[in-house]
Amino acid sequence: MLFFLVVILIIGDYQIIQQLPEFVLNSVITTVLLVYVTVEGILVGLTSQIKLKFLKDCVMTVGIAALLYAVYLFMIVTYQTLQLHYTSTNVATAQFNYASVLFLFFIVLFAIVALLPPAEKILNPLDTDP
């Protein structure tokens, strides 16, 4: 049940991303990217709690990639705003859409791994101890 709730929320977020205009203000992008960086950083830190090494490595790889891309885009958009005095560009908006999709993918991957049964049940499915 919780898994379906996560999927429904992610679909809703994806619909919001798809409805963004061609030009999103850089000030909006930087504000949202700060939230992305915060959430991604926290979840990357929590990946140490994942017991299965393969899943931990997958989640960590996607999380670090999402975090680095969000930081990269934050630097680009901040530079454009402060140094070049741009209010928005369609390239920055497109990159923001990519960062949002990567963020959502990381959240979904982390949620799926977090909702899996404990590693002992996966590795030893015939064990029926109460």
C-alpha atoms as a PDB file:
ATOM      1  CA  MET A   1       0.000   0.000   0.000  1.00  0.00           C
ATOM      2  CA  LEU A   2       2.794   2.412   0.911  1.00  0.00           C
ATOM      3  CA  PHE A   3       4.539   1.587  -2.362  1.00  0.00           C
ATOM      4  CA  PHE A   4       1.477   2.678  -4.357  1.00  0.00           C
ATOM      5  CA  LEU A   5       1.311   5.917  -2.389  1.00  0.00           C
ATOM      6  CA  VAL A   6       4.946   6.658  -3.293  1.00  0.00           C
ATOM      7  CA  VAL A   7       4.263   5.913  -6.965  1.00  0.00           C
ATOM      8  CA  ILE A   8       1.170   8.155  -7.001  1.00  0.00           C
ATOM      9  CA  LEU A   9       3.113  11.025  -5.415  1.00  0.00           C
ATOM     10  CA  ILE A  10       5.954  10.644  -7.905  1.00  0.00           C
ATOM     11  CA  ILE A  11       3.512  10.624 -10.823  1.00  0.00           C
ATOM     12  CA  GLY A  12       1.984  13.829  -9.463  1.00  0.00           C
ATOM     13  CA  ASP A  13       5.389  15.462  -9.180  1.00  0.00           C
ATOM     14  CA  TYR A  14       6.285  14.370 -12.704  1.00  0.00           C
ATOM     15  CA  GLN A  15       3.062  15.923 -14.006  1.00  0.00           C
ATOM     16  CA  ILE A  16       4.043  19.230 -12.369  1.00  0.00           C
ATOM     17  CA  ILE A  17       7.471  19.084 -14.047  1.00  0.00           C
ATOM     18  CA  GLN A  18       5.852  18.435 -17.425  1.00  0.00           C
ATOM     19  CA  GLN A  19       3.640  21.512 -17.037  1.00  0.00           C
ATOM     20  CA  LEU A  20       6.525  23.915 -16.476  1.00  0.00           C
ATOM     21  CA  PRO A  21       6.800  26.705 -19.029  1.00  0.00           C
ATOM     22  CA  GLU A  22       9.663  26.920 -21.513  1.00  0.00           C
ATOM     23  CA  PHE A  23      11.347  29.568 -19.353  1.00  0.00           C
ATOM     24  CA  VAL A  24      11.511  29.134 -15.575  1.00  0.00           C
ATOM     25  CA  LEU A  25      13.041  32.026 -13.631  1.00  0.00           C
ATOM     26  CA  ASN A  26      16.539  31.379 -12.329  1.00  0.00           C
ATOM     27  CA  SER A  27      15.446  32.489  -8.868  1.00  0.00           C
ATOM     28  CA  VAL A  28      12.821  29.730  -8.870  1.00  0.00           C
ATOM     29  CA  ILE A  29      15.334  27.170 -10.112  1.00  0.00           C
ATOM     30  CA  THR A  30      17.885  28.019  -7.398  1.00  0.00           C
ATOM     31  CA  THR A  31      15.245  27.832  -4.671  1.00  0.00           C
ATOM     32  CA  VAL A  32      14.033  24.407  -5.808  1.00  0.00           C
ATOM     33  CA  LEU A  33      17.579  23.132  -6.336  1.00  0.00           C
ATOM     34  CA  LEU A  34      18.425  23.933  -2.721  1.00  0.00           C
ATOM     35  CA  VAL A  35      15.596  21.633  -1.672  1.00  0.00           C
ATOM     36  CA  TYR A  36      16.854  18.940  -4.059  1.00  0.00           C
ATOM     37  CA  VAL A  37      20.390  19.184  -2.688  1.00  0.00           C
ATOM     38  CA  THR A  38      19.144  18.982   0.894  1.00  0.00           C
ATOM     39  CA  VAL A  39      16.924  15.948   0.317  1.00  0.00           C
ATOM     40  CA  GLU A  40      19.477  14.173  -1.853  1.00  0.00           C
ATOM     41  CA  GLY A  41      22.220  14.798   0.691  1.00  0.00           C
ATOM     42  CA  ILE A  42      20.146  13.386   3.513  1.00  0.00           C
ATOM     43  CA  LEU A  43      19.162  10.308   1.504  1.00  0.00           C
ATOM     44  CA  VAL A  44      22.743   9.691   0.336  1.00  0.00           C
ATOM     45  CA  GLY A  45      23.735   9.755   4.007  1.00  0.00           C
ATOM     46  CA  LEU A  46      20.995   7.253   4.827  1.00  0.00           C
ATOM     47  CA  THR A  47      22.132   4.766   2.176  1.00  0.00           C
ATOM     48  CA  SER A  48      24.595   3.354   4.693  1.00  0.00           C
ATOM     49  CA  GLN A  49      21.555   1.762   6.365  1.00  0.00           C
ATOM     50  CA  ILE A  50      20.863  -0.425   3.305  1.00  0.00           C
ATOM     51  CA  LYS A  51      22.108  -3.921   4.066  1.00  0.00           C
ATOM     52  CA  LEU A  52      22.479  -5.424   0.584  1.00  0.00           C
ATOM     53  CA  LYS A  53      25.701  -4.160  -0.985  1.00  0.00           C
ATOM     54  CA  PHE A  54      24.431  -4.235  -4.583  1.00  0.00           C
ATOM     55  CA  LEU A  55      21.360  -2.147  -3.722  1.00  0.00           C
ATOM     56  CA  LYS A  56      23.438   0.176  -1.572  1.00  0.00           C
ATOM     57  CA  ASP A  57      25.869   0.734  -4.448  1.00  0.00           C
ATOM     58  CA  CYS A  58      23.033   1.401  -6.922  1.00  0.00           C
ATOM     59  CA  VAL A  59      21.282   3.881  -4.661  1.00  0.00           C
ATOM     60  CA  MET A  60      24.561   5.591  -3.757  1.00  0.00           C
ATOM     61  CA  THR A  61      25.589   5.932  -7.407  1.00  0.00           C
ATOM     62  CA  VAL A  62      22.282   7.457  -8.480  1.00  0.00           C
ATOM     63  CA  GLY A  63      22.191   9.669  -5.385  1.00  0.00           C
ATOM     64  CA  ILE A  64      25.665  11.074  -5.863  1.00  0.00           C
ATOM     65  CA  ALA A  65      25.007  11.667  -9.575  1.00  0.00           C
ATOM     66  CA  ALA A  66      21.763  13.504  -8.749  1.00  0.00           C
ATOM     67  CA  LEU A  67      23.462  15.526  -6.029  1.00  0.00           C
ATOM     68  CA  LEU A  68      26.408  16.534  -8.220  1.00  0.00           C
ATOM     69  CA  TYR A  69      24.135  17.469 -11.127  1.00  0.00           C
ATOM     70  CA  ALA A  70      21.952  19.621  -8.852  1.00  0.00           C
ATOM     71  CA  VAL A  71      25.025  21.386  -7.436  1.00  0.00           C
ATOM     72  CA  TYR A  72      26.419  21.904 -10.962  1.00  0.00           C
ATOM     73  CA  LEU A  73      23.140  23.399 -12.147  1.00  0.00           C
ATOM     74  CA  PHE A  74      22.886  25.565  -9.032  1.00  0.00           C
ATOM     75  CA  MET A  75      26.329  27.019  -9.796  1.00  0.00           C
ATOM     76  CA  ILE A  76      25.449  27.671 -13.455  1.00  0.00           C
ATOM     77  CA  VAL A  77      22.116  29.325 -12.700  1.00  0.00           C
ATOM     78  CA  THR A  78      23.573  31.421  -9.864  1.00  0.00           C
ATOM     79  CA  TYR A  79      26.386  32.592 -12.156  1.00  0.00           C
ATOM     80  CA  GLN A  80      23.913  33.479 -14.887  1.00  0.00           C
ATOM     81  CA  THR A  81      21.827  35.476 -12.442  1.00  0.00           C
ATOM     82  CA  LEU A  82      24.541  37.319 -10.536  1.00  0.00           C
ATOM     83  CA  GLN A  83      27.241  37.832 -13.165  1.00  0.00           C
ATOM     84  CA  LEU A  84      25.368  37.881 -16.466  1.00  0.00           C
ATOM     85  CA  HIS A  85      22.091  39.295 -15.107  1.00  0.00           C
ATOM     86  CA  TYR A  86      19.997  36.681 -16.916  1.00  0.00           C
ATOM     87  CA  THR A  87      16.568  36.109 -15.467  1.00  0.00           C
ATOM     88  CA  SER A  88      16.023  32.857 -17.342  1.00  0.00           C
ATOM     89  CA  THR A  89      17.188  30.759 -20.276  1.00  0.00           C
ATOM     90  CA  ASN A  90      15.547  27.815 -21.972  1.00  0.00           C
ATOM     91  CA  VAL A  91      18.780  25.800 -21.598  1.00  0.00           C
ATOM     92  CA  ALA A  92      18.739  26.286 -17.816  1.00  0.00           C
ATOM     93  CA  THR A  93      15.065  25.341 -17.742  1.00  0.00           C
ATOM     94  CA  ALA A  94      15.762  22.170 -19.742  1.00  0.00           C
ATOM     95  CA  GLN A  95      18.628  21.275 -17.391  1.00  0.00           C
ATOM     96  CA  PHE A  96      16.307  21.955 -14.454  1.00  0.00           C
ATOM     97  CA  ASN A  97      13.830  19.481 -15.929  1.00  0.00           C
ATOM     98  CA  TYR A  98      16.615  16.883 -16.211  1.00  0.00           C
ATOM     99  CA  ALA A  99      17.673  17.533 -12.621  1.00  0.00           C
ATOM    100  CA  SER A 100      14.064  17.145 -11.506  1.00  0.00           C
ATOM    101  CA  VAL A 101      13.662  13.830 -13.312  1.00  0.00           C
ATOM    102  CA  LEU A 102      16.960  12.594 -11.840  1.00  0.00           C
ATOM    103  CA  PHE A 103      15.812  13.730  -8.386  1.00  0.00           C
ATOM    104  CA  LEU A 104      12.513  11.876  -8.769  1.00  0.00           C
ATOM    105  CA  PHE A 105      14.304   8.761 -10.031  1.00  0.00           C
ATOM    106  CA  PHE A 106      16.565   8.822  -6.985  1.00  0.00           C
ATOM    107  CA  ILE A 107      13.600   9.263  -4.650  1.00  0.00           C
ATOM    108  CA  VAL A 108      11.731   6.363  -6.280  1.00  0.00           C
ATOM    109  CA  LEU A 109      14.794   4.109  -6.178  1.00  0.00           C
ATOM    110  CA  PHE A 110      15.431   4.941  -2.534  1.00  0.00           C
ATOM    111  CA  ALA A 111      11.752   4.390  -1.662  1.00  0.00           C
ATOM    112  CA  ILE A 112      11.663   1.014  -3.403  1.00  0.00           C
ATOM    113  CA  VAL A 113      14.825  -0.149  -1.655  1.00  0.00           C
ATOM    114  CA  ALA A 114      13.564   1.171   1.698  1.00  0.00           C
ATOM    115  CA  LEU A 115      10.248  -0.656   1.281  1.00  0.00           C
ATOM    116  CA  LEU A 116      11.886  -3.990   0.479  1.00  0.00           C
ATOM    117  CA  PRO A 117      11.753  -6.608   3.208  1.00  0.00           C
ATOM    118  CA  PRO A 118      14.837  -6.916   5.422  1.00  0.00           C
ATOM    119  CA  ALA A 119      17.948  -8.361   3.780  1.00  0.00           C
ATOM    120  CA  GLU A 120      17.615 -11.584   5.780  1.00  0.00           C
ATOM    121  CA  LYS A 121      14.233 -12.291   4.135  1.00  0.00           C
ATOM    122  CA  ILE A 122      15.611 -11.611   0.662  1.00  0.00           C
ATOM    123  CA  LEU A 123      18.727 -13.737   1.138  1.00  0.00           C
ATOM    124  CA  ASN A 124      16.921 -16.525   3.015  1.00  0.00           C
ATOM    125  CA  PRO A 125      13.297 -16.616   1.761  1.00  0.00           C
ATOM    126  CA  LEU A 126      12.568 -20.117   3.143  1.00  0.00           C
ATOM    127  CA  ASP A 127      13.287 -19.072   6.718  1.00  0.00           C
ATOM    128  CA  THR A 128       9.862 -18.940   8.393  1.00  0.00           C
ATOM    129  CA  ASP A 129      10.793 -17.949  11.946  1.00  0.00           C
ATOM    130  CA  PRO A 130       7.983 -15.930  13.535  1.00  0.00           C
END
